[in-house]
Amino acid sequence: MSALTFTGDGLLARFASQLAVLGANAPIALSRALNHIGVSPPTQVIRNLTKQTGLKRSVIVKGSG
């Protein structure tokens, strides 16, 4: 069995230490962050499709939903 070795720029260690600071509140903070980010991609797609196609936003929202 081979061992996996990770050498990076310290990003993972920094993330781990930030989660440690949050302690018991870490699951709440992570879920809030994911909910916040989860809204962004569909919004960007609708915004770009409106610009690219020239259709009204309401038409694109009805078609994508």
C-alpha atoms as a PDB file:
ATOM      1  CA  MET A   1       0.000   0.000   0.000  1.00  0.00           C
ATOM      2  CA  SER A   2       1.450   3.364  -0.965  1.00  0.00           C
ATOM      3  CA  ALA A   3       1.234   6.490   1.098  1.00  0.00           C
ATOM      4  CA  LEU A   4      -0.194   9.729  -0.207  1.00  0.00           C
ATOM      5  CA  THR A   5       1.948  12.771   0.382  1.00  0.00           C
ATOM      6  CA  PHE A   6       0.661  16.311  -0.018  1.00  0.00           C
ATOM      7  CA  THR A   7       2.963  19.259  -0.300  1.00  0.00           C
ATOM      8  CA  GLY A   8       1.234  22.511  -0.999  1.00  0.00           C
ATOM      9  CA  ASP A   9       1.297  26.193  -0.396  1.00  0.00           C
ATOM     10  CA  GLY A  10      -0.232  25.949   3.075  1.00  0.00           C
ATOM     11  CA  LEU A  11      -3.782  26.670   1.927  1.00  0.00           C
ATOM     12  CA  LEU A  12      -5.139  23.445   3.385  1.00  0.00           C
ATOM     13  CA  ALA A  13      -3.397  24.069   6.709  1.00  0.00           C
ATOM     14  CA  ARG A  14      -4.765  27.625   6.804  1.00  0.00           C
ATOM     15  CA  PHE A  15      -8.275  26.355   6.097  1.00  0.00           C
ATOM     16  CA  ALA A  16      -7.959  23.746   8.843  1.00  0.00           C
ATOM     17  CA  SER A  17      -6.814  26.342  11.361  1.00  0.00           C
ATOM     18  CA  GLN A  18      -9.707  28.633  10.427  1.00  0.00           C
ATOM     19  CA  LEU A  19     -12.151  25.761  10.959  1.00  0.00           C
ATOM     20  CA  ALA A  20     -10.516  25.055  14.313  1.00  0.00           C
ATOM     21  CA  VAL A  21     -11.090  28.668  15.360  1.00  0.00           C
ATOM     22  CA  LEU A  22     -14.785  28.325  14.497  1.00  0.00           C
ATOM     23  CA  GLY A  23     -15.015  25.188  16.606  1.00  0.00           C
ATOM     24  CA  ALA A  24     -18.606  24.050  17.084  1.00  0.00           C
ATOM     25  CA  ASN A  25     -19.849  26.824  14.793  1.00  0.00           C
ATOM     26  CA  ALA A  26     -17.944  25.421  11.793  1.00  0.00           C
ATOM     27  CA  PRO A  27     -20.897  23.426  10.344  1.00  0.00           C
ATOM     28  CA  ILE A  28     -23.132  26.498  10.515  1.00  0.00           C
ATOM     29  CA  ALA A  29     -20.521  28.709   8.861  1.00  0.00           C
ATOM     30  CA  LEU A  30     -19.884  26.172   6.095  1.00  0.00           C
ATOM     31  CA  SER A  31     -23.579  25.755   5.318  1.00  0.00           C
ATOM     32  CA  ARG A  32     -24.063  29.534   5.187  1.00  0.00           C
ATOM     33  CA  ALA A  33     -21.092  29.910   2.866  1.00  0.00           C
ATOM     34  CA  LEU A  34     -22.354  27.176   0.536  1.00  0.00           C
ATOM     35  CA  ASN A  35     -25.844  28.656   0.473  1.00  0.00           C
ATOM     36  CA  HIS A  36     -24.407  32.068  -0.355  1.00  0.00           C
ATOM     37  CA  ILE A  37     -22.212  30.762  -3.179  1.00  0.00           C
ATOM     38  CA  GLY A  38     -24.896  28.405  -4.480  1.00  0.00           C
ATOM     39  CA  VAL A  39     -27.052  31.316  -5.642  1.00  0.00           C
ATOM     40  CA  SER A  40     -24.369  32.959  -7.749  1.00  0.00           C
ATOM     41  CA  PRO A  41     -23.905  30.627 -10.773  1.00  0.00           C
ATOM     42  CA  PRO A  42     -27.567  30.552 -11.906  1.00  0.00           C
ATOM     43  CA  THR A  43     -27.723  34.322 -11.510  1.00  0.00           C
ATOM     44  CA  GLN A  44     -24.637  34.762 -13.678  1.00  0.00           C
ATOM     45  CA  VAL A  45     -25.995  32.393 -16.331  1.00  0.00           C
ATOM     46  CA  ILE A  46     -29.304  34.245 -16.526  1.00  0.00           C
ATOM     47  CA  ARG A  47     -27.530  37.605 -16.648  1.00  0.00           C
ATOM     48  CA  ASN A  48     -25.210  36.500 -19.458  1.00  0.00           C
ATOM     49  CA  LEU A  49     -27.958  34.814 -21.471  1.00  0.00           C
ATOM     50  CA  THR A  50     -30.015  38.004 -21.272  1.00  0.00           C
ATOM     51  CA  LYS A  51     -27.107  39.988 -22.708  1.00  0.00           C
ATOM     52  CA  GLN A  52     -26.207  37.414 -25.365  1.00  0.00           C
ATOM     53  CA  THR A  53     -29.686  36.637 -26.658  1.00  0.00           C
ATOM     54  CA  GLY A  54     -31.427  39.970 -26.219  1.00  0.00           C
ATOM     55  CA  LEU A  55     -34.411  38.189 -24.654  1.00  0.00           C
ATOM     56  CA  LYS A  56     -36.122  39.590 -21.581  1.00  0.00           C
ATOM     57  CA  ARG A  57     -34.973  38.197 -18.264  1.00  0.00           C
ATOM     58  CA  SER A  58     -38.412  36.792 -17.452  1.00  0.00           C
ATOM     59  CA  VAL A  59     -38.374  34.671 -20.627  1.00  0.00           C
ATOM     60  CA  ILE A  60     -35.002  33.164 -19.744  1.00  0.00           C
ATOM     61  CA  VAL A  61     -36.013  32.522 -16.122  1.00  0.00           C
ATOM     62  CA  LYS A  62     -39.171  30.689 -17.261  1.00  0.00           C
ATOM     63  CA  GLY A  63     -37.163  28.604 -19.724  1.00  0.00           C
ATOM     64  CA  SER A  64     -34.420  27.684 -17.283  1.00  0.00           C
ATOM     65  CA  GLY A  65     -36.587  26.866 -14.294  1.00  0.00           C
END
